Amino acid sequence: MQGPFMIQRKVGFTLVELLVVIAIIGVLVGLLLPAVQQAREAARRMSCQNNLKQIGLALHNYNDTYGRLPCAIWSANPAKGEPSSFDDDGYGWMVSILPFVEQGALYDMLDTSVKTGTPGAVETYYTNNSRPIPGGETVLSMYRCPSSALPEIVPATYSIPGTTGGMTTNHSQSVGYAVTDYKAAGGSCYGDDGAMHKLWENVNDNGSIGRRFAEVTDGLTNTIFAGESSYVSPTASTWQGYTGPFPVDATSAKVDDWPVWIGGAGTDEGARINGRTNSPINCRCSASKMITAINDDCAFSYHPGGAQFLFGDGSVHFLTENLSSDVYCNLHSIRDGQVLGNWN
């Protein structure tokens, strides 16, 4: 029994006990966080892989319809005497496959503004209207890798990772367009012999426009059609091979080669990659020090250690950045005839 003057003790945690509990929770979070991040990256990588598979299916459907692949850029046609000033400018291969990725209405919108196949489409429209072609600002999730940290829309100024301060976008006609993380495979160390290159170079082979599957004599399973390229490069070569300290003030340079699905906005590097020896996977830089990219033709991803590539048979493979440059070159060529060896 309790007397009227007995004090009842309250049950609770002391400050020391609370601090111990908080410390334990902190340790558990620290242990679990890397595992959670890895799980999230695995999910993003799988989503990116699925995007490329859907793009591959669209390319096959395009080929079934037209009997050939689209050009990386529907730029000027030298066979018709069109000017070389538009050799890097025009709608891209991702515009061509819009009807095959359930974006027919968007394709029609673009075609109404500027007819598909018009050389200089992007530059001419910008010159006349000072704004993007209507529809070109549409962000398409299928054309974006979830791991990418690039902005959704090309900005007028941007700080390339590894720098401080804003840098002006070099090709002003690309400002306002939606960004993509995937580009076509344009060529190898043997030349512009990739699956998709700009029209200016495609017609040099046999007078036709766009590659036929029969021209891929190395086999669809041994040929890259497209790959990740989630980066921009500086116009000045000052930072190539730069080792520090970081961040750097690179405002003397401009931001070049924004990857946009609309196609060639004054630069073919915005729509295609190459497998040359000076364009290795991830461009010999990290995502946090992108300013040091050694070239503007590289495949590049935010996935650690390499990038994902779509092959001609519709399969998607992750290629490590340590892959032999000779093997990587041969994977980009449609007809080198070389034995690849073990690459997967």
C-alpha atoms as a PDB file:
ATOM      1  CA  MET A   1       0.000   0.000   0.000  1.00  0.00           C
ATOM      2  CA  GLN A   2       1.092   3.540  -0.706  1.00  0.00           C
ATOM      3  CA  GLY A   3       0.786   6.192   1.939  1.00  0.00           C
ATOM      4  CA  PRO A   4      -0.527   9.662   1.169  1.00  0.00           C
ATOM      5  CA  PHE A   5       2.949  11.164   1.425  1.00  0.00           C
ATOM      6  CA  MET A   6       4.926   8.580  -0.586  1.00  0.00           C
ATOM      7  CA  ILE A   7       6.548   9.913  -3.807  1.00  0.00           C
ATOM      8  CA  GLN A   8       5.844   7.860  -6.966  1.00  0.00           C
ATOM      9  CA  ARG A   9       8.963   7.407  -9.162  1.00  0.00           C
ATOM     10  CA  LYS A  10       8.446   8.088 -12.888  1.00  0.00           C
ATOM     11  CA  VAL A  11       9.841   5.544 -15.321  1.00  0.00           C
ATOM     12  CA  GLY A  12      11.862   6.962 -18.299  1.00  0.00           C
ATOM     13  CA  PHE A  13      15.194   7.186 -20.124  1.00  0.00           C
ATOM     14  CA  THR A  14      18.141   9.062 -18.755  1.00  0.00           C
ATOM     15  CA  LEU A  15      20.113  11.432 -20.957  1.00  0.00           C
ATOM     16  CA  VAL A  16      22.985   8.960 -21.130  1.00  0.00           C
ATOM     17  CA  GLU A  17      20.664   6.187 -22.278  1.00  0.00           C
ATOM     18  CA  LEU A  18      19.184   8.402 -24.979  1.00  0.00           C
ATOM     19  CA  LEU A  19      22.634   9.316 -26.241  1.00  0.00           C
ATOM     20  CA  VAL A  20      23.602   5.645 -26.391  1.00  0.00           C
ATOM     21  CA  VAL A  21      20.460   4.811 -28.396  1.00  0.00           C
ATOM     22  CA  ILE A  22      21.100   7.688 -30.808  1.00  0.00           C
ATOM     23  CA  ALA A  23      24.702   6.544 -31.248  1.00  0.00           C
ATOM     24  CA  ILE A  24      23.571   2.999 -32.024  1.00  0.00           C
ATOM     25  CA  ILE A  25      21.034   4.264 -34.560  1.00  0.00           C
ATOM     26  CA  GLY A  26      23.752   6.377 -36.190  1.00  0.00           C
ATOM     27  CA  VAL A  27      26.049   3.378 -36.509  1.00  0.00           C
ATOM     28  CA  LEU A  28      23.259   1.274 -38.052  1.00  0.00           C
ATOM     29  CA  VAL A  29      22.382   4.009 -40.549  1.00  0.00           C
ATOM     30  CA  GLY A  30      26.057   4.334 -41.475  1.00  0.00           C
ATOM     31  CA  LEU A  31      26.221   0.588 -42.132  1.00  0.00           C
ATOM     32  CA  LEU A  32      22.969   0.437 -44.080  1.00  0.00           C
ATOM     33  CA  LEU A  33      23.365   3.576 -46.205  1.00  0.00           C
ATOM     34  CA  PRO A  34      25.940   2.141 -48.661  1.00  0.00           C
ATOM     35  CA  ALA A  35      23.755  -0.935 -49.162  1.00  0.00           C
ATOM     36  CA  VAL A  36      20.708   1.262 -49.814  1.00  0.00           C
ATOM     37  CA  GLN A  37      22.661   3.390 -52.284  1.00  0.00           C
ATOM     38  CA  GLN A  38      23.903   0.294 -54.100  1.00  0.00           C
ATOM     39  CA  ALA A  39      20.365  -1.053 -54.314  1.00  0.00           C
ATOM     40  CA  ARG A  40      19.119   2.237 -55.733  1.00  0.00           C
ATOM     41  CA  GLU A  41      21.929   2.344 -58.318  1.00  0.00           C
ATOM     42  CA  ALA A  42      21.160  -1.248 -59.307  1.00  0.00           C
ATOM     43  CA  ALA A  43      17.529  -0.269 -59.880  1.00  0.00           C
ATOM     44  CA  ARG A  44      18.543   2.814 -61.885  1.00  0.00           C
ATOM     45  CA  ARG A  45      20.952   0.763 -63.964  1.00  0.00           C
ATOM     46  CA  MET A  46      18.229  -1.770 -64.724  1.00  0.00           C
ATOM     47  CA  SER A  47      15.881   1.057 -65.765  1.00  0.00           C
ATOM     48  CA  CYS A  48      18.590   2.472 -68.025  1.00  0.00           C
ATOM     49  CA  GLN A  49      19.113  -0.959 -69.554  1.00  0.00           C
ATOM     50  CA  ASN A  50      15.400  -1.232 -70.233  1.00  0.00           C
ATOM     51  CA  ASN A  51      15.440   2.188 -71.951  1.00  0.00           C
ATOM     52  CA  LEU A  52      18.124   0.979 -74.344  1.00  0.00           C
ATOM     53  CA  LYS A  53      16.219  -2.235 -75.021  1.00  0.00           C
ATOM     54  CA  GLN A  54      13.114  -0.231 -75.932  1.00  0.00           C
ATOM     55  CA  ILE A  55      15.231   1.996 -78.177  1.00  0.00           C
ATOM     56  CA  GLY A  56      16.665  -1.122 -79.808  1.00  0.00           C
ATOM     57  CA  LEU A  57      13.182  -2.480 -80.448  1.00  0.00           C
ATOM     58  CA  ALA A  58      12.196   0.857 -81.997  1.00  0.00           C
ATOM     59  CA  LEU A  59      15.234   0.765 -84.307  1.00  0.00           C
ATOM     60  CA  HIS A  60      14.286  -2.734 -85.474  1.00  0.00           C
ATOM     61  CA  ASN A  61      10.709  -1.616 -86.107  1.00  0.00           C
ATOM     62  CA  TYR A  62      12.051   1.389 -88.027  1.00  0.00           C
ATOM     63  CA  ASN A  63      14.198  -0.947 -90.111  1.00  0.00           C
ATOM     64  CA  ASP A  64      11.224  -3.231 -90.756  1.00  0.00           C
ATOM     65  CA  THR A  65       9.272  -0.234 -92.035  1.00  0.00           C
ATOM     66  CA  TYR A  66      11.921   1.562 -94.109  1.00  0.00           C
ATOM     67  CA  GLY A  67      14.410  -1.195 -94.842  1.00  0.00           C
ATOM     68  CA  ARG A  68      17.311   0.656 -93.233  1.00  0.00           C
ATOM     69  CA  LEU A  69      18.418   2.423 -90.069  1.00  0.00           C
ATOM     70  CA  PRO A  70      17.940   6.170 -89.580  1.00  0.00           C
ATOM     71  CA  CYS A  71      20.842   8.578 -89.904  1.00  0.00           C
ATOM     72  CA  ALA A  72      22.327   9.881 -86.679  1.00  0.00           C
ATOM     73  CA  ILE A  73      21.650  13.373 -88.042  1.00  0.00           C
ATOM     74  CA  TRP A  74      19.517  14.232 -91.084  1.00  0.00           C
ATOM     75  CA  SER A  75      21.952  16.928 -92.090  1.00  0.00           C
ATOM     76  CA  ALA A  76      23.027  18.246 -95.493  1.00  0.00           C
ATOM     77  CA  ASN A  77      23.284  15.778 -98.377  1.00  0.00           C
ATOM     78  CA  PRO A  78      26.424  16.304-100.487  1.00  0.00           C
ATOM     79  CA  ALA A  79      24.947  14.182-103.265  1.00  0.00           C
ATOM     80  CA  LYS A  80      22.315  16.888-103.711  1.00  0.00           C
ATOM     81  CA  GLY A  81      24.783  19.752-103.504  1.00  0.00           C
ATOM     82  CA  GLU A  82      23.482  20.920-100.131  1.00  0.00           C
ATOM     83  CA  PRO A  83      25.862  23.207 -98.202  1.00  0.00           C
ATOM     84  CA  SER A  84      28.494  21.794 -95.851  1.00  0.00           C
ATOM     85  CA  SER A  85      27.568  24.498 -93.333  1.00  0.00           C
ATOM     86  CA  PHE A  86      24.680  22.214 -92.357  1.00  0.00           C
ATOM     87  CA  ASP A  87      26.700  18.989 -92.182  1.00  0.00           C
ATOM     88  CA  ASP A  88      26.252  18.880 -88.376  1.00  0.00           C
ATOM     89  CA  ASP A  89      22.737  20.260 -88.147  1.00  0.00           C
ATOM     90  CA  GLY A  90      19.350  18.608 -88.519  1.00  0.00           C
ATOM     91  CA  TYR A  91      16.877  16.279 -86.842  1.00  0.00           C
ATOM     92  CA  GLY A  92      18.464  13.245 -85.195  1.00  0.00           C
ATOM     93  CA  TRP A  93      17.882   9.510 -85.116  1.00  0.00           C
ATOM     94  CA  MET A  94      15.820   9.796 -81.934  1.00  0.00           C
ATOM     95  CA  VAL A  95      13.327  11.953 -83.799  1.00  0.00           C
ATOM     96  CA  SER A  96      13.105   9.263 -86.481  1.00  0.00           C
ATOM     97  CA  ILE A  97      12.060   6.562 -84.004  1.00  0.00           C
ATOM     98  CA  LEU A  98       9.493   8.669 -82.115  1.00  0.00           C
ATOM     99  CA  PRO A  99       6.533   6.971 -83.868  1.00  0.00           C
ATOM    100  CA  PHE A 100       7.950   3.615 -82.723  1.00  0.00           C
ATOM    101  CA  VAL A 101       8.176   4.610 -79.031  1.00  0.00           C
ATOM    102  CA  GLU A 102       4.542   5.749 -78.834  1.00  0.00           C
ATOM    103  CA  GLN A 103       5.412   9.400 -79.487  1.00  0.00           C
ATOM    104  CA  GLY A 104       3.684   9.812 -82.842  1.00  0.00           C
ATOM    105  CA  ALA A 105       1.942  13.028 -81.781  1.00  0.00           C
ATOM    106  CA  LEU A 106       5.269  14.580 -80.816  1.00  0.00           C
ATOM    107  CA  TYR A 107       6.771  13.508 -84.145  1.00  0.00           C
ATOM    108  CA  ASP A 108       3.879  15.161 -86.002  1.00  0.00           C
ATOM    109  CA  MET A 109       4.343  18.360 -83.965  1.00  0.00           C
ATOM    110  CA  LEU A 110       7.995  18.572 -84.975  1.00  0.00           C
ATOM    111  CA  ASP A 111       7.235  17.759 -88.593  1.00  0.00           C
ATOM    112  CA  THR A 112       4.597  20.486 -88.699  1.00  0.00           C
ATOM    113  CA  SER A 113       7.108  23.105 -87.512  1.00  0.00           C
ATOM    114  CA  VAL A 114      10.048  21.953 -89.634  1.00  0.00           C
ATOM    115  CA  LYS A 115       9.811  19.042 -92.028  1.00  0.00           C
ATOM    116  CA  THR A 116      11.831  15.999 -91.020  1.00  0.00           C
ATOM    117  CA  GLY A 117      14.896  15.579 -93.177  1.00  0.00           C
ATOM    118  CA  THR A 118      15.430  19.330 -93.496  1.00  0.00           C
ATOM    119  CA  PRO A 119      19.166  20.120 -93.341  1.00  0.00           C
ATOM    120  CA  GLY A 120      19.922  22.866 -90.844  1.00  0.00           C
ATOM    121  CA  ALA A 121      16.531  22.400 -89.199  1.00  0.00           C
ATOM    122  CA  VAL A 122      17.614  23.346 -85.676  1.00  0.00           C
ATOM    123  CA  GLU A 123      19.902  26.236 -86.574  1.00  0.00           C
ATOM    124  CA  THR A 124      17.541  27.751 -89.158  1.00  0.00           C
ATOM    125  CA  TYR A 125      14.544  27.642 -86.803  1.00  0.00           C
ATOM    126  CA  TYR A 126      16.568  29.250 -84.021  1.00  0.00           C
ATOM    127  CA  THR A 127      17.836  31.970 -86.362  1.00  0.00           C
ATOM    128  CA  ASN A 128      14.289  32.802 -87.455  1.00  0.00           C
ATOM    129  CA  ASN A 129      12.509  32.408 -84.111  1.00  0.00           C
ATOM    130  CA  SER A 130      15.126  32.628 -81.295  1.00  0.00           C
ATOM    131  CA  ARG A 131      13.568  29.635 -79.539  1.00  0.00           C
ATOM    132  CA  PRO A 132      13.479  25.828 -79.765  1.00  0.00           C
ATOM    133  CA  ILE A 133      11.324  24.002 -82.285  1.00  0.00           C
ATOM    134  CA  PRO A 134       7.974  23.359 -80.503  1.00  0.00           C
ATOM    135  CA  GLY A 135       8.059  19.904 -78.963  1.00  0.00           C
ATOM    136  CA  GLY A 136      11.836  19.753 -78.743  1.00  0.00           C
ATOM    137  CA  GLU A 137      11.709  20.812 -75.089  1.00  0.00           C
ATOM    138  CA  THR A 138       9.691  17.693 -74.160  1.00  0.00           C
ATOM    139  CA  VAL A 139      11.529  15.550 -71.614  1.00  0.00           C
ATOM    140  CA  LEU A 140      11.175  11.860 -72.519  1.00  0.00           C
ATOM    141  CA  SER A 141      11.906   9.429 -69.693  1.00  0.00           C
ATOM    142  CA  MET A 142      12.861   6.704 -72.165  1.00  0.00           C
ATOM    143  CA  TYR A 143      15.647   8.933 -73.452  1.00  0.00           C
ATOM    144  CA  ARG A 144      17.077   9.633 -69.965  1.00  0.00           C
ATOM    145  CA  CYS A 145      19.186   7.448 -67.688  1.00  0.00           C
ATOM    146  CA  PRO A 146      17.927   7.688 -64.073  1.00  0.00           C
ATOM    147  CA  SER A 147      21.517   7.831 -62.803  1.00  0.00           C
ATOM    148  CA  SER A 148      22.383  10.865 -64.921  1.00  0.00           C
ATOM    149  CA  ALA A 149      22.899  14.199 -63.173  1.00  0.00           C
ATOM    150  CA  LEU A 150      22.686  16.292 -66.333  1.00  0.00           C
ATOM    151  CA  PRO A 151      19.848  18.869 -66.335  1.00  0.00           C
ATOM    152  CA  GLU A 152      16.634  17.977 -68.162  1.00  0.00           C
ATOM    153  CA  ILE A 153      16.817  21.053 -70.403  1.00  0.00           C
ATOM    154  CA  VAL A 154      19.940  22.611 -71.932  1.00  0.00           C
ATOM    155  CA  PRO A 155      20.666  25.795 -69.929  1.00  0.00           C
ATOM    156  CA  ALA A 156      22.258  28.995 -71.216  1.00  0.00           C
ATOM    157  CA  THR A 157      24.995  28.639 -68.590  1.00  0.00           C
ATOM    158  CA  TYR A 158      26.254  25.571 -66.744  1.00  0.00           C
ATOM    159  CA  SER A 159      29.100  24.635 -64.423  1.00  0.00           C
ATOM    160  CA  ILE A 160      30.720  21.475 -65.714  1.00  0.00           C
ATOM    161  CA  PRO A 161      31.433  19.192 -62.714  1.00  0.00           C
ATOM    162  CA  GLY A 162      34.867  19.998 -61.384  1.00  0.00           C
ATOM    163  CA  THR A 163      34.466  23.757 -61.930  1.00  0.00           C
ATOM    164  CA  THR A 164      33.086  26.791 -60.157  1.00  0.00           C
ATOM    165  CA  GLY A 165      31.023  29.515 -61.749  1.00  0.00           C
ATOM    166  CA  GLY A 166      28.811  29.436 -64.831  1.00  0.00           C
ATOM    167  CA  MET A 167      30.050  28.658 -68.330  1.00  0.00           C
ATOM    168  CA  THR A 168      28.172  29.770 -71.439  1.00  0.00           C
ATOM    169  CA  THR A 169      26.703  27.130 -73.746  1.00  0.00           C
ATOM    170  CA  ASN A 170      28.700  27.285 -76.970  1.00  0.00           C
ATOM    171  CA  HIS A 171      25.964  26.406 -79.489  1.00  0.00           C
ATOM    172  CA  SER A 172      23.193  28.774 -78.479  1.00  0.00           C
ATOM    173  CA  GLN A 173      20.690  27.021 -80.769  1.00  0.00           C
ATOM    174  CA  SER A 174      20.778  24.013 -78.414  1.00  0.00           C
ATOM    175  CA  VAL A 175      19.531  26.028 -75.406  1.00  0.00           C
ATOM    176  CA  GLY A 176      16.028  25.023 -74.334  1.00  0.00           C
ATOM    177  CA  TYR A 177      16.027  21.537 -75.844  1.00  0.00           C
ATOM    178  CA  ALA A 178      15.471  18.389 -73.796  1.00  0.00           C
ATOM    179  CA  VAL A 179      18.588  16.436 -72.904  1.00  0.00           C
ATOM    180  CA  THR A 180      19.159  12.749 -73.657  1.00  0.00           C
ATOM    181  CA  ASP A 181      21.697  10.312 -72.233  1.00  0.00           C
ATOM    182  CA  TYR A 182      21.995   8.113 -75.323  1.00  0.00           C
ATOM    183  CA  LYS A 183      23.782   8.604 -78.629  1.00  0.00           C
ATOM    184  CA  ALA A 184      24.172   6.635 -81.839  1.00  0.00           C
ATOM    185  CA  ALA A 185      27.378   4.734 -82.674  1.00  0.00           C
ATOM    186  CA  GLY A 186      28.886   6.708 -85.530  1.00  0.00           C
ATOM    187  CA  GLY A 187      32.268   5.194 -86.247  1.00  0.00           C
ATOM    188  CA  SER A 188      35.413   3.466 -85.139  1.00  0.00           C
ATOM    189  CA  CYS A 189      39.174   3.947 -85.353  1.00  0.00           C
ATOM    190  CA  TYR A 190      38.821   2.915 -89.019  1.00  0.00           C
ATOM    191  CA  GLY A 191      36.619   5.891 -89.876  1.00  0.00           C
ATOM    192  CA  ASP A 192      32.918   6.758 -90.040  1.00  0.00           C
ATOM    193  CA  ASP A 193      31.887   3.126 -90.407  1.00  0.00           C
ATOM    194  CA  GLY A 194      29.411   2.924 -87.536  1.00  0.00           C
ATOM    195  CA  ALA A 195      25.781   1.864 -87.581  1.00  0.00           C
ATOM    196  CA  MET A 196      24.429   5.429 -87.626  1.00  0.00           C
ATOM    197  CA  HIS A 197      26.270   8.570 -88.645  1.00  0.00           C
ATOM    198  CA  LYS A 198      25.213  11.913 -90.021  1.00  0.00           C
ATOM    199  CA  LEU A 199      23.795  12.006 -93.534  1.00  0.00           C
ATOM    200  CA  TRP A 200      26.778  14.010 -94.766  1.00  0.00           C
ATOM    201  CA  GLU A 201      28.967  10.927 -94.267  1.00  0.00           C
ATOM    202  CA  ASN A 202      26.457   8.103 -94.764  1.00  0.00           C
ATOM    203  CA  VAL A 203      26.001   8.805 -98.468  1.00  0.00           C
ATOM    204  CA  ASN A 204      29.741   8.533 -99.107  1.00  0.00           C
ATOM    205  CA  ASP A 205      29.607   4.711 -99.082  1.00  0.00           C
ATOM    206  CA  ASN A 206      27.107   3.700-101.749  1.00  0.00           C
ATOM    207  CA  GLY A 207      24.882   6.691-102.383  1.00  0.00           C
ATOM    208  CA  SER A 208      22.132   5.354-100.121  1.00  0.00           C
ATOM    209  CA  ILE A 209      20.795   7.055 -97.009  1.00  0.00           C
ATOM    210  CA  GLY A 210      21.010   5.072 -93.802  1.00  0.00           C
ATOM    211  CA  ARG A 211      22.590   1.674 -93.183  1.00  0.00           C
ATOM    212  CA  ARG A 212      20.914  -1.573 -94.185  1.00  0.00           C
ATOM    213  CA  PHE A 213      21.228  -4.514 -91.813  1.00  0.00           C
ATOM    214  CA  ALA A 214      22.929  -6.401 -94.660  1.00  0.00           C
ATOM    215  CA  GLU A 215      25.756  -3.845 -94.525  1.00  0.00           C
ATOM    216  CA  VAL A 216      26.568  -4.880 -90.951  1.00  0.00           C
ATOM    217  CA  THR A 217      28.814  -7.685 -92.150  1.00  0.00           C
ATOM    218  CA  ASP A 218      30.418  -8.181 -88.716  1.00  0.00           C
ATOM    219  CA  GLY A 219      27.049  -9.361 -87.434  1.00  0.00           C
ATOM    220  CA  LEU A 220      24.412  -7.580 -85.374  1.00  0.00           C
ATOM    221  CA  THR A 221      25.526  -9.359 -82.203  1.00  0.00           C
ATOM    222  CA  ASN A 222      29.048  -7.921 -82.595  1.00  0.00           C
ATOM    223  CA  THR A 223      28.148  -4.338 -83.458  1.00  0.00           C
ATOM    224  CA  ILE A 224      27.236  -1.417 -81.198  1.00  0.00           C
ATOM    225  CA  PHE A 225      24.239   0.606 -82.380  1.00  0.00           C
ATOM    226  CA  ALA A 226      24.021   3.132 -79.529  1.00  0.00           C
ATOM    227  CA  GLY A 227      25.357   3.819 -76.073  1.00  0.00           C
ATOM    228  CA  GLU A 228      25.221   6.039 -73.022  1.00  0.00           C
ATOM    229  CA  SER A 229      26.867   9.440 -73.318  1.00  0.00           C
ATOM    230  CA  SER A 230      25.798  11.531 -70.320  1.00  0.00           C
ATOM    231  CA  TYR A 231      28.357  14.301 -70.389  1.00  0.00           C
ATOM    232  CA  VAL A 232      29.389  17.651 -71.841  1.00  0.00           C
ATOM    233  CA  SER A 233      32.897  18.855 -72.610  1.00  0.00           C
ATOM    234  CA  PRO A 234      34.636  22.239 -72.535  1.00  0.00           C
ATOM    235  CA  THR A 235      35.537  24.026 -75.771  1.00  0.00           C
ATOM    236  CA  ALA A 236      39.111  24.685 -74.610  1.00  0.00           C
ATOM    237  CA  SER A 237      41.580  21.811 -74.336  1.00  0.00           C
ATOM    238  CA  THR A 238      43.254  23.422 -71.303  1.00  0.00           C
ATOM    239  CA  TRP A 239      41.666  20.982 -68.864  1.00  0.00           C
ATOM    240  CA  GLN A 240      42.386  17.748 -70.716  1.00  0.00           C
ATOM    241  CA  GLY A 241      44.560  15.698 -68.400  1.00  0.00           C
ATOM    242  CA  TYR A 242      44.366  18.293 -65.616  1.00  0.00           C
ATOM    243  CA  THR A 243      45.129  16.669 -62.260  1.00  0.00           C
ATOM    244  CA  GLY A 244      44.187  19.321 -59.717  1.00  0.00           C
ATOM    245  CA  PRO A 245      43.486  20.999 -57.495  1.00  0.00           C
ATOM    246  CA  PHE A 246      39.699  20.917 -57.872  1.00  0.00           C
ATOM    247  CA  PRO A 247      37.382  22.648 -58.369  1.00  0.00           C
ATOM    248  CA  VAL A 248      38.870  24.879 -61.048  1.00  0.00           C
ATOM    249  CA  ASP A 249      37.813  28.195 -62.534  1.00  0.00           C
ATOM    250  CA  ALA A 250      37.152  27.228 -66.153  1.00  0.00           C
ATOM    251  CA  THR A 251      34.959  30.177 -67.101  1.00  0.00           C
ATOM    252  CA  SER A 252      37.326  30.965 -69.980  1.00  0.00           C
ATOM    253  CA  ALA A 253      35.897  27.910 -71.760  1.00  0.00           C
ATOM    254  CA  LYS A 254      32.361  27.252 -72.977  1.00  0.00           C
ATOM    255  CA  VAL A 255      30.133  24.205 -72.596  1.00  0.00           C
ATOM    256  CA  ASP A 256      30.094  22.172 -75.794  1.00  0.00           C
ATOM    257  CA  ASP A 257      28.178  19.249 -77.288  1.00  0.00           C
ATOM    258  CA  TRP A 258      25.015  19.014 -75.207  1.00  0.00           C
ATOM    259  CA  PRO A 259      23.367  15.620 -75.873  1.00  0.00           C
ATOM    260  CA  VAL A 260      19.852  16.442 -77.109  1.00  0.00           C
ATOM    261  CA  TRP A 261      17.397  14.021 -78.669  1.00  0.00           C
ATOM    262  CA  ILE A 262      16.334  16.621 -81.237  1.00  0.00           C
ATOM    263  CA  GLY A 263      19.608  15.802 -83.029  1.00  0.00           C
ATOM    264  CA  GLY A 264      22.367  18.015 -84.348  1.00  0.00           C
ATOM    265  CA  ALA A 265      22.246  21.478 -82.826  1.00  0.00           C
ATOM    266  CA  GLY A 266      25.311  22.739 -84.641  1.00  0.00           C
ATOM    267  CA  THR A 267      27.440  19.787 -83.527  1.00  0.00           C
ATOM    268  CA  ASP A 268      27.272  16.114 -84.462  1.00  0.00           C
ATOM    269  CA  GLU A 269      28.819  15.139 -81.111  1.00  0.00           C
ATOM    270  CA  GLY A 270      25.440  15.906 -79.563  1.00  0.00           C
ATOM    271  CA  ALA A 271      23.962  12.867 -81.326  1.00  0.00           C
ATOM    272  CA  ARG A 272      26.698  10.273 -81.813  1.00  0.00           C
ATOM    273  CA  ILE A 273      29.730   8.645 -80.213  1.00  0.00           C
ATOM    274  CA  ASN A 274      32.824   7.052 -81.753  1.00  0.00           C
ATOM    275  CA  GLY A 275      34.995   4.095 -80.845  1.00  0.00           C
ATOM    276  CA  ARG A 276      38.320   5.695 -81.653  1.00  0.00           C
ATOM    277  CA  THR A 277      41.342   5.125 -79.441  1.00  0.00           C
ATOM    278  CA  ASN A 278      41.210   8.764 -78.304  1.00  0.00           C
ATOM    279  CA  SER A 279      37.553   8.407 -77.271  1.00  0.00           C
ATOM    280  CA  PRO A 280      37.559   5.732 -74.560  1.00  0.00           C
ATOM    281  CA  ILE A 281      34.583   4.828 -72.396  1.00  0.00           C
ATOM    282  CA  ASN A 282      34.110   7.499 -69.706  1.00  0.00           C
ATOM    283  CA  CYS A 283      36.647   9.744 -71.433  1.00  0.00           C
ATOM    284  CA  ARG A 284      39.329   9.164 -68.743  1.00  0.00           C
ATOM    285  CA  CYS A 285      37.498  11.250 -66.178  1.00  0.00           C
ATOM    286  CA  SER A 286      34.960  10.813 -63.416  1.00  0.00           C
ATOM    287  CA  ALA A 287      31.490  12.301 -63.185  1.00  0.00           C
ATOM    288  CA  SER A 288      32.703  14.730 -60.501  1.00  0.00           C
ATOM    289  CA  LYS A 289      35.637  15.910 -62.673  1.00  0.00           C
ATOM    290  CA  MET A 290      33.931  15.973 -66.068  1.00  0.00           C
ATOM    291  CA  ILE A 291      35.888  19.096 -66.996  1.00  0.00           C
ATOM    292  CA  THR A 292      38.921  16.876 -67.712  1.00  0.00           C
ATOM    293  CA  ALA A 293      37.223  14.797 -70.442  1.00  0.00           C
ATOM    294  CA  ILE A 294      39.842  14.155 -73.120  1.00  0.00           C
ATOM    295  CA  ASN A 295      37.465  14.251 -76.094  1.00  0.00           C
ATOM    296  CA  ASP A 296      33.910  15.044 -77.152  1.00  0.00           C
ATOM    297  CA  ASP A 297      33.169  11.701 -78.879  1.00  0.00           C
ATOM    298  CA  CYS A 298      33.135   9.436 -75.815  1.00  0.00           C
ATOM    299  CA  ALA A 299      30.578   7.141 -74.312  1.00  0.00           C
ATOM    300  CA  PHE A 300      30.028   8.203 -70.716  1.00  0.00           C
ATOM    301  CA  SER A 301      27.787   7.183 -67.848  1.00  0.00           C
ATOM    302  CA  TYR A 302      27.147   7.803 -64.166  1.00  0.00           C
ATOM    303  CA  HIS A 303      27.309   4.051 -63.532  1.00  0.00           C
ATOM    304  CA  PRO A 304      30.598   3.182 -61.822  1.00  0.00           C
ATOM    305  CA  GLY A 305      33.235   1.563 -64.027  1.00  0.00           C
ATOM    306  CA  GLY A 306      31.736   1.735 -67.505  1.00  0.00           C
ATOM    307  CA  ALA A 307      28.647   2.369 -69.600  1.00  0.00           C
ATOM    308  CA  GLN A 308      25.769   0.483 -71.190  1.00  0.00           C
ATOM    309  CA  PHE A 309      25.540  -0.151 -74.918  1.00  0.00           C
ATOM    310  CA  LEU A 310      22.809  -1.296 -77.289  1.00  0.00           C
ATOM    311  CA  PHE A 311      23.925  -3.895 -79.822  1.00  0.00           C
ATOM    312  CA  GLY A 312      22.435  -4.578 -83.231  1.00  0.00           C
ATOM    313  CA  ASP A 313      20.615  -7.710 -82.102  1.00  0.00           C
ATOM    314  CA  GLY A 314      18.716  -5.677 -79.498  1.00  0.00           C
ATOM    315  CA  SER A 315      20.779  -6.870 -76.534  1.00  0.00           C
ATOM    316  CA  VAL A 316      22.242  -4.446 -73.994  1.00  0.00           C
ATOM    317  CA  HIS A 317      25.684  -4.939 -72.460  1.00  0.00           C
ATOM    318  CA  PHE A 318      27.649  -3.094 -69.812  1.00  0.00           C
ATOM    319  CA  LEU A 319      31.167  -2.483 -71.114  1.00  0.00           C
ATOM    320  CA  THR A 320      33.900  -1.653 -68.662  1.00  0.00           C
ATOM    321  CA  GLU A 321      36.038   1.430 -69.142  1.00  0.00           C
ATOM    322  CA  ASN A 322      39.056  -0.905 -68.994  1.00  0.00           C
ATOM    323  CA  LEU A 323      38.006  -2.704 -72.182  1.00  0.00           C
ATOM    324  CA  SER A 324      40.776  -3.053 -74.750  1.00  0.00           C
ATOM    325  CA  SER A 325      40.776  -0.081 -77.133  1.00  0.00           C
ATOM    326  CA  ASP A 326      41.148  -2.454 -80.112  1.00  0.00           C
ATOM    327  CA  VAL A 327      38.122  -4.496 -79.080  1.00  0.00           C
ATOM    328  CA  TYR A 328      36.104  -1.349 -78.413  1.00  0.00           C
ATOM    329  CA  CYS A 329      37.069   0.007 -81.831  1.00  0.00           C
ATOM    330  CA  ASN A 330      36.005  -3.208 -83.576  1.00  0.00           C
ATOM    331  CA  LEU A 331      32.662  -3.264 -81.753  1.00  0.00           C
ATOM    332  CA  HIS A 332      31.891   0.147 -83.249  1.00  0.00           C
ATOM    333  CA  SER A 333      32.696  -0.845 -86.824  1.00  0.00           C
ATOM    334  CA  ILE A 334      30.027  -2.590 -88.895  1.00  0.00           C
ATOM    335  CA  ARG A 335      32.539  -4.270 -91.237  1.00  0.00           C
ATOM    336  CA  ASP A 336      36.089  -4.477 -89.873  1.00  0.00           C
ATOM    337  CA  GLY A 337      36.088  -8.279 -90.116  1.00  0.00           C
ATOM    338  CA  GLN A 338      38.275  -8.620 -87.042  1.00  0.00           C
ATOM    339  CA  VAL A 339      37.984 -11.390 -84.454  1.00  0.00           C
ATOM    340  CA  LEU A 340      36.725  -9.721 -81.293  1.00  0.00           C
ATOM    341  CA  GLY A 341      37.796 -12.175 -78.661  1.00  0.00           C
ATOM    342  CA  ASN A 342      36.241 -12.095 -75.189  1.00  0.00           C
ATOM    343  CA  TRP A 343      34.531  -8.769 -74.555  1.00  0.00           C
ATOM    344  CA  ASN A 344      31.479  -9.803 -72.525  1.00  0.00           C
END
